Amino acid sequence: MKFRNAYTKDKSKGKKMSQEVNTIPDQNLSIRELLDRHSRGLPLGASQKQGEYFDTEIPIYDDLVDMMEHKKQLVQDHKDLTKKIENEQKAQKQKATAEAVEVAKKQLQDIGSNTTNVVS
């Protein structure tokens, strides 16, 4: 096994860089222009990244036991929400099938009443 240090010769040739230039001519601003644009709320010509803020608070734990209890609570909440979603989906399916049965019964009654009118 060889070790690298300042005195060993490196046999790697390094990374090959492309000759493509990514700069745009005359894209410089003076300090005065930067401050003026910033004070007026104008874009500075650079990409601006906005932070993402969420409503959930990030808990800070003093003890590992607290962290494990919080994890158990989160797992239980996940199970409860999953059951609630499944129950709502089942209720929607039952409602849809009940509506389909009602429509089919109505169509059968309409067909039955039309055939009796034709026969008489």
N, C-alpha and C. Protein backbone atom coordinates (compact mmCIF):
# COMPACT_ATOMS: atom_id res chain seq x y z
N MET A 1 0.84 -1.18 0.00
CA MET A 1 0.00 0.00 0.00
C MET A 1 0.89 1.24 0.00
N LYS A 2 0.63 2.13 -0.94
CA LYS A 2 1.45 3.34 -1.05
C LYS A 2 0.72 4.51 -0.41
N PHE A 3 1.50 5.35 0.21
CA PHE A 3 0.95 6.55 0.82
C PHE A 3 1.32 7.76 -0.02
N ARG A 4 0.41 8.71 -0.07
CA ARG A 4 0.68 9.94 -0.78
C ARG A 4 1.19 10.98 0.19
N ASN A 5 2.18 11.70 -0.21
CA ASN A 5 2.64 12.85 0.55
C ASN A 5 3.21 13.87 -0.42
N ALA A 6 3.84 14.88 0.09
CA ALA A 6 4.35 15.96 -0.76
C ALA A 6 5.50 15.51 -1.65
N TYR A 7 6.13 14.39 -1.31
CA TYR A 7 7.32 13.99 -2.04
C TYR A 7 7.07 12.86 -3.04
N THR A 8 5.88 12.25 -2.99
CA THR A 8 5.59 11.19 -3.95
C THR A 8 5.02 11.81 -5.22
N LYS A 9 5.34 11.20 -6.32
CA LYS A 9 4.87 11.71 -7.61
C LYS A 9 3.45 11.21 -7.86
N ASP A 10 2.56 12.11 -8.25
CA ASP A 10 1.17 11.76 -8.52
C ASP A 10 1.06 11.34 -9.98
N LYS A 11 0.50 10.16 -10.24
CA LYS A 11 0.42 9.64 -11.60
C LYS A 11 -0.88 10.04 -12.30
N SER A 12 -1.83 10.63 -11.58
CA SER A 12 -3.09 11.02 -12.22
C SER A 12 -2.87 12.30 -13.02
N LYS A 13 -3.57 12.42 -14.13
CA LYS A 13 -3.40 13.56 -15.03
C LYS A 13 -4.32 14.71 -14.65
N GLY A 14 -5.29 14.47 -13.80
CA GLY A 14 -6.19 15.53 -13.37
C GLY A 14 -7.46 15.60 -14.21
N LYS A 15 -8.28 16.55 -13.91
CA LYS A 15 -9.57 16.71 -14.58
C LYS A 15 -9.40 17.54 -15.84
N LYS A 16 -10.03 17.12 -16.91
CA LYS A 16 -10.02 17.87 -18.17
C LYS A 16 -11.12 18.91 -18.12
N MET A 17 -10.76 20.15 -18.29
CA MET A 17 -11.71 21.24 -18.25
C MET A 17 -12.13 21.61 -19.66
N SER A 18 -13.39 21.98 -19.83
CA SER A 18 -13.88 22.39 -21.15
C SER A 18 -13.43 23.83 -21.42
N GLN A 19 -13.42 24.21 -22.66
CA GLN A 19 -13.01 25.55 -23.06
C GLN A 19 -14.19 26.52 -23.12
N GLU A 20 -15.36 26.07 -22.68
CA GLU A 20 -16.56 26.90 -22.74
C GLU A 20 -16.48 28.02 -21.71
N VAL A 21 -16.84 29.24 -22.13
CA VAL A 21 -16.83 30.40 -21.25
C VAL A 21 -18.26 30.71 -20.84
N ASN A 22 -18.51 30.83 -19.55
CA ASN A 22 -19.86 31.06 -19.04
C ASN A 22 -20.11 32.50 -18.62
N THR A 23 -19.13 33.36 -18.75
CA THR A 23 -19.32 34.75 -18.32
C THR A 23 -20.02 35.54 -19.41
N ILE A 24 -20.70 36.60 -18.98
CA ILE A 24 -21.40 37.48 -19.91
C ILE A 24 -20.69 38.84 -19.86
N PRO A 25 -20.32 39.39 -21.00
CA PRO A 25 -19.61 40.68 -20.99
C PRO A 25 -20.47 41.79 -20.40
N ASP A 26 -19.82 42.73 -19.74
CA ASP A 26 -20.45 43.93 -19.16
C ASP A 26 -21.55 43.58 -18.16
N GLN A 27 -21.32 42.57 -17.36
CA GLN A 27 -22.30 42.19 -16.35
C GLN A 27 -21.81 42.59 -14.96
N ASN A 28 -21.02 43.63 -14.87
CA ASN A 28 -20.53 44.07 -13.58
C ASN A 28 -21.30 45.29 -13.12
N LEU A 29 -21.47 45.42 -11.81
CA LEU A 29 -22.16 46.57 -11.22
C LEU A 29 -21.25 47.16 -10.15
N SER A 30 -21.29 48.47 -10.02
CA SER A 30 -20.51 49.11 -8.97
C SER A 30 -21.23 48.93 -7.63
N ILE A 31 -20.52 49.23 -6.56
CA ILE A 31 -21.09 49.12 -5.23
C ILE A 31 -22.29 50.07 -5.11
N ARG A 32 -22.16 51.26 -5.66
CA ARG A 32 -23.25 52.24 -5.61
C ARG A 32 -24.49 51.70 -6.30
N GLU A 33 -24.31 51.09 -7.49
CA GLU A 33 -25.45 50.53 -8.22
C GLU A 33 -26.07 49.36 -7.46
N LEU A 34 -25.23 48.53 -6.86
CA LEU A 34 -25.75 47.40 -6.07
C LEU A 34 -26.59 47.90 -4.90
N LEU A 35 -26.08 48.88 -4.15
CA LEU A 35 -26.82 49.42 -3.00
C LEU A 35 -28.10 50.12 -3.45
N ASP A 36 -28.03 50.84 -4.57
CA ASP A 36 -29.21 51.54 -5.09
C ASP A 36 -30.29 50.53 -5.47
N ARG A 37 -29.91 49.49 -6.18
CA ARG A 37 -30.88 48.47 -6.58
C ARG A 37 -31.45 47.75 -5.35
N HIS A 38 -30.58 47.45 -4.39
CA HIS A 38 -31.04 46.74 -3.19
C HIS A 38 -32.03 47.60 -2.40
N SER A 39 -31.75 48.89 -2.27
CA SER A 39 -32.63 49.76 -1.50
C SER A 39 -33.98 49.96 -2.19
N ARG A 40 -34.00 49.87 -3.51
CA ARG A 40 -35.25 50.02 -4.24
C ARG A 40 -35.98 48.70 -4.44
N GLY A 41 -35.36 47.60 -4.06
CA GLY A 41 -36.01 46.30 -4.20
C GLY A 41 -35.92 45.74 -5.61
N LEU A 42 -35.00 46.26 -6.41
CA LEU A 42 -34.83 45.77 -7.78
C LEU A 42 -33.94 44.54 -7.78
N PRO A 43 -34.06 43.68 -8.78
CA PRO A 43 -33.18 42.51 -8.83
C PRO A 43 -31.74 42.95 -9.05
N LEU A 44 -30.83 42.18 -8.46
CA LEU A 44 -29.41 42.53 -8.54
C LEU A 44 -28.72 41.88 -9.73
N GLY A 45 -29.45 41.09 -10.50
CA GLY A 45 -28.85 40.44 -11.64
C GLY A 45 -28.32 39.05 -11.31
N ALA A 46 -28.40 38.65 -10.08
CA ALA A 46 -27.97 37.31 -9.67
C ALA A 46 -29.19 36.52 -9.24
N SER A 47 -29.06 35.23 -9.23
CA SER A 47 -30.20 34.41 -8.82
C SER A 47 -30.45 34.60 -7.32
N GLN A 48 -31.72 34.75 -6.98
CA GLN A 48 -32.08 34.94 -5.59
C GLN A 48 -32.81 33.70 -5.11
N LYS A 49 -32.32 33.13 -4.05
CA LYS A 49 -32.94 31.91 -3.51
C LYS A 49 -33.79 32.30 -2.31
N GLN A 50 -35.02 31.84 -2.34
CA GLN A 50 -35.95 32.12 -1.25
C GLN A 50 -35.97 30.92 -0.31
N GLY A 51 -35.99 31.18 0.96
CA GLY A 51 -36.07 30.10 1.94
C GLY A 51 -37.47 29.52 1.99
N GLU A 52 -37.55 28.28 2.43
CA GLU A 52 -38.84 27.63 2.59
C GLU A 52 -39.13 27.50 4.07
N TYR A 53 -40.27 28.03 4.46
CA TYR A 53 -40.66 28.01 5.87
C TYR A 53 -41.94 27.21 6.00
N PHE A 54 -41.99 26.36 7.02
CA PHE A 54 -43.13 25.49 7.23
C PHE A 54 -43.78 25.82 8.56
N ASP A 55 -45.04 25.39 8.70
CA ASP A 55 -45.78 25.66 9.92
C ASP A 55 -45.38 24.74 11.07
N THR A 56 -44.81 23.60 10.74
CA THR A 56 -44.47 22.64 11.80
C THR A 56 -43.21 23.10 12.53
N GLU A 57 -43.25 22.96 13.82
CA GLU A 57 -42.12 23.35 14.64
C GLU A 57 -41.15 22.18 14.75
N ILE A 58 -39.89 22.45 14.66
CA ILE A 58 -38.87 21.41 14.78
C ILE A 58 -38.55 21.23 16.26
N PRO A 59 -38.81 20.02 16.78
CA PRO A 59 -38.57 19.82 18.22
C PRO A 59 -37.08 19.74 18.55
N ILE A 60 -36.75 20.18 19.74
CA ILE A 60 -35.38 20.09 20.26
C ILE A 60 -35.43 19.14 21.45
N TYR A 61 -34.61 18.12 21.41
CA TYR A 61 -34.64 17.09 22.44
C TYR A 61 -33.47 17.26 23.39
N ASP A 62 -33.77 17.10 24.69
CA ASP A 62 -32.73 17.11 25.70
C ASP A 62 -32.27 15.70 26.03
N ASP A 63 -33.12 14.73 25.69
CA ASP A 63 -32.84 13.36 26.07
C ASP A 63 -33.24 12.43 24.93
N LEU A 64 -32.57 11.31 24.80
CA LEU A 64 -32.91 10.34 23.76
C LEU A 64 -34.28 9.72 24.01
N VAL A 65 -34.69 9.62 25.27
CA VAL A 65 -36.00 9.06 25.58
C VAL A 65 -37.10 9.94 25.00
N ASP A 66 -36.92 11.25 25.13
CA ASP A 66 -37.91 12.18 24.56
C ASP A 66 -38.00 12.01 23.05
N MET A 67 -36.85 11.82 22.42
CA MET A 67 -36.83 11.64 20.98
C MET A 67 -37.56 10.35 20.59
N MET A 68 -37.34 9.27 21.32
CA MET A 68 -38.01 8.01 21.02
C MET A 68 -39.51 8.11 21.25
N GLU A 69 -39.93 8.82 22.29
CA GLU A 69 -41.36 9.02 22.54
C GLU A 69 -42.00 9.82 21.41
N HIS A 70 -41.30 10.83 20.95
CA HIS A 70 -41.81 11.64 19.84
C HIS A 70 -41.91 10.78 18.57
N LYS A 71 -40.92 9.93 18.35
CA LYS A 71 -40.95 9.04 17.19
C LYS A 71 -42.14 8.10 17.27
N LYS A 72 -42.38 7.53 18.46
CA LYS A 72 -43.52 6.63 18.63
C LYS A 72 -44.84 7.37 18.37
N GLN A 73 -44.92 8.61 18.84
CA GLN A 73 -46.12 9.41 18.61
C GLN A 73 -46.32 9.68 17.12
N LEU A 74 -45.23 9.99 16.41
CA LEU A 74 -45.32 10.23 14.97
C LEU A 74 -45.76 8.97 14.22
N VAL A 75 -45.23 7.81 14.63
CA VAL A 75 -45.62 6.55 13.99
C VAL A 75 -47.10 6.28 14.24
N GLN A 76 -47.55 6.52 15.46
CA GLN A 76 -48.96 6.30 15.79
C GLN A 76 -49.85 7.27 15.00
N ASP A 77 -49.44 8.52 14.89
CA ASP A 77 -50.20 9.48 14.09
C ASP A 77 -50.28 9.05 12.64
N HIS A 78 -49.17 8.53 12.11
CA HIS A 78 -49.15 8.04 10.73
C HIS A 78 -50.12 6.88 10.54
N LYS A 79 -50.14 5.95 11.50
CA LYS A 79 -51.08 4.82 11.42
C LYS A 79 -52.52 5.31 11.48
N ASP A 80 -52.81 6.25 12.38
CA ASP A 80 -54.17 6.77 12.51
C ASP A 80 -54.62 7.46 11.22
N LEU A 81 -53.74 8.27 10.65
CA LEU A 81 -54.09 8.97 9.40
C LEU A 81 -54.28 7.99 8.25
N THR A 82 -53.45 6.94 8.21
CA THR A 82 -53.58 5.94 7.16
C THR A 82 -54.93 5.22 7.27
N LYS A 83 -55.32 4.86 8.50
CA LYS A 83 -56.62 4.22 8.71
C LYS A 83 -57.76 5.16 8.33
N LYS A 84 -57.62 6.44 8.69
CA LYS A 84 -58.66 7.41 8.36
C LYS A 84 -58.81 7.55 6.84
N ILE A 85 -57.69 7.60 6.14
CA ILE A 85 -57.72 7.70 4.67
C ILE A 85 -58.36 6.47 4.06
N GLU A 86 -57.98 5.28 4.57
CA GLU A 86 -58.56 4.04 4.05
C GLU A 86 -60.07 4.00 4.28
N ASN A 87 -60.50 4.42 5.46
CA ASN A 87 -61.94 4.44 5.76
C ASN A 87 -62.69 5.41 4.85
N GLU A 88 -62.10 6.57 4.61
CA GLU A 88 -62.74 7.53 3.72
C GLU A 88 -62.81 7.00 2.29
N GLN A 89 -61.76 6.31 1.85
CA GLN A 89 -61.77 5.74 0.50
C GLN A 89 -62.83 4.64 0.40
N LYS A 90 -62.97 3.82 1.44
CA LYS A 90 -64.00 2.78 1.43
C LYS A 90 -65.39 3.40 1.40
N ALA A 91 -65.57 4.47 2.18
CA ALA A 91 -66.87 5.14 2.20
C ALA A 91 -67.19 5.74 0.83
N GLN A 92 -66.20 6.30 0.17
CA GLN A 92 -66.43 6.85 -1.17
C GLN A 92 -66.79 5.75 -2.16
N LYS A 93 -66.11 4.61 -2.06
CA LYS A 93 -66.41 3.49 -2.97
C LYS A 93 -67.83 2.98 -2.72
N GLN A 94 -68.20 2.84 -1.44
CA GLN A 94 -69.54 2.38 -1.12
C GLN A 94 -70.59 3.37 -1.61
N LYS A 95 -70.32 4.66 -1.47
CA LYS A 95 -71.24 5.67 -1.93
C LYS A 95 -71.38 5.61 -3.45
N ALA A 96 -70.25 5.43 -4.14
CA ALA A 96 -70.29 5.35 -5.60
C ALA A 96 -71.04 4.12 -6.06
N THR A 97 -70.84 2.98 -5.41
CA THR A 97 -71.56 1.77 -5.81
C THR A 97 -73.04 1.90 -5.49
N ALA A 98 -73.38 2.54 -4.36
CA ALA A 98 -74.79 2.74 -4.03
C ALA A 98 -75.46 3.65 -5.06
N GLU A 99 -74.76 4.68 -5.48
CA GLU A 99 -75.32 5.57 -6.50
C GLU A 99 -75.47 4.83 -7.83
N ALA A 100 -74.51 3.98 -8.16
CA ALA A 100 -74.59 3.21 -9.40
C ALA A 100 -75.77 2.24 -9.35
N VAL A 101 -76.00 1.64 -8.18
CA VAL A 101 -77.13 0.72 -8.03
C VAL A 101 -78.44 1.49 -8.18
N GLU A 102 -78.54 2.66 -7.59
CA GLU A 102 -79.75 3.47 -7.70
C GLU A 102 -80.02 3.85 -9.16
N VAL A 103 -78.97 4.24 -9.87
CA VAL A 103 -79.12 4.61 -11.28
C VAL A 103 -79.57 3.40 -12.09
N ALA A 104 -78.98 2.25 -11.80
CA ALA A 104 -79.36 1.03 -12.53
C ALA A 104 -80.81 0.66 -12.24
N LYS A 105 -81.25 0.77 -10.97
CA LYS A 105 -82.63 0.47 -10.62
C LYS A 105 -83.59 1.42 -11.33
N LYS A 106 -83.21 2.68 -11.37
CA LYS A 106 -84.06 3.67 -12.03
C LYS A 106 -84.17 3.37 -13.53
N GLN A 107 -83.05 2.99 -14.13
CA GLN A 107 -83.06 2.65 -15.56
C GLN A 107 -83.93 1.41 -15.80
N LEU A 108 -83.84 0.43 -14.92
CA LEU A 108 -84.66 -0.78 -15.06
C LEU A 108 -86.13 -0.44 -14.92
N GLN A 109 -86.47 0.44 -13.98
CA GLN A 109 -87.86 0.84 -13.81
C GLN A 109 -88.36 1.59 -15.04
N ASP A 110 -87.51 2.45 -15.59
CA ASP A 110 -87.88 3.19 -16.79
C ASP A 110 -88.09 2.23 -17.96
N ILE A 111 -87.21 1.25 -18.10
CA ILE A 111 -87.35 0.26 -19.17
C ILE A 111 -88.62 -0.56 -18.97
N GLY A 112 -88.88 -0.95 -17.72
CA GLY A 112 -90.07 -1.73 -17.40
C GLY A 112 -91.35 -0.95 -17.67
N SER A 113 -91.36 0.34 -17.32
CA SER A 113 -92.56 1.15 -17.56
C SER A 113 -92.75 1.41 -19.06
N ASN A 114 -91.65 1.51 -19.81
CA ASN A 114 -91.75 1.70 -21.26
C ASN A 114 -92.30 0.44 -21.94
N THR A 115 -91.91 -0.74 -21.49
CA THR A 115 -92.39 -1.99 -22.10
C THR A 115 -93.85 -2.20 -21.77
N THR A 116 -94.31 -1.80 -20.60
CA THR A 116 -95.73 -1.96 -20.27
C THR A 116 -96.57 -0.99 -21.09
N ASN A 117 -96.03 0.19 -21.37
CA ASN A 117 -96.76 1.15 -22.20
C ASN A 117 -96.86 0.65 -23.65
N VAL A 118 -95.83 -0.02 -24.12
CA VAL A 118 -95.83 -0.53 -25.49
C VAL A 118 -96.80 -1.70 -25.61
N VAL A 119 -96.84 -2.55 -24.60
CA VAL A 119 -97.71 -3.73 -24.63
C VAL A 119 -99.18 -3.32 -24.54
N SER A 120 -99.51 -2.32 -23.76
CA SER A 120 -100.92 -1.96 -23.60
C SER A 120 -101.41 -1.14 -24.70
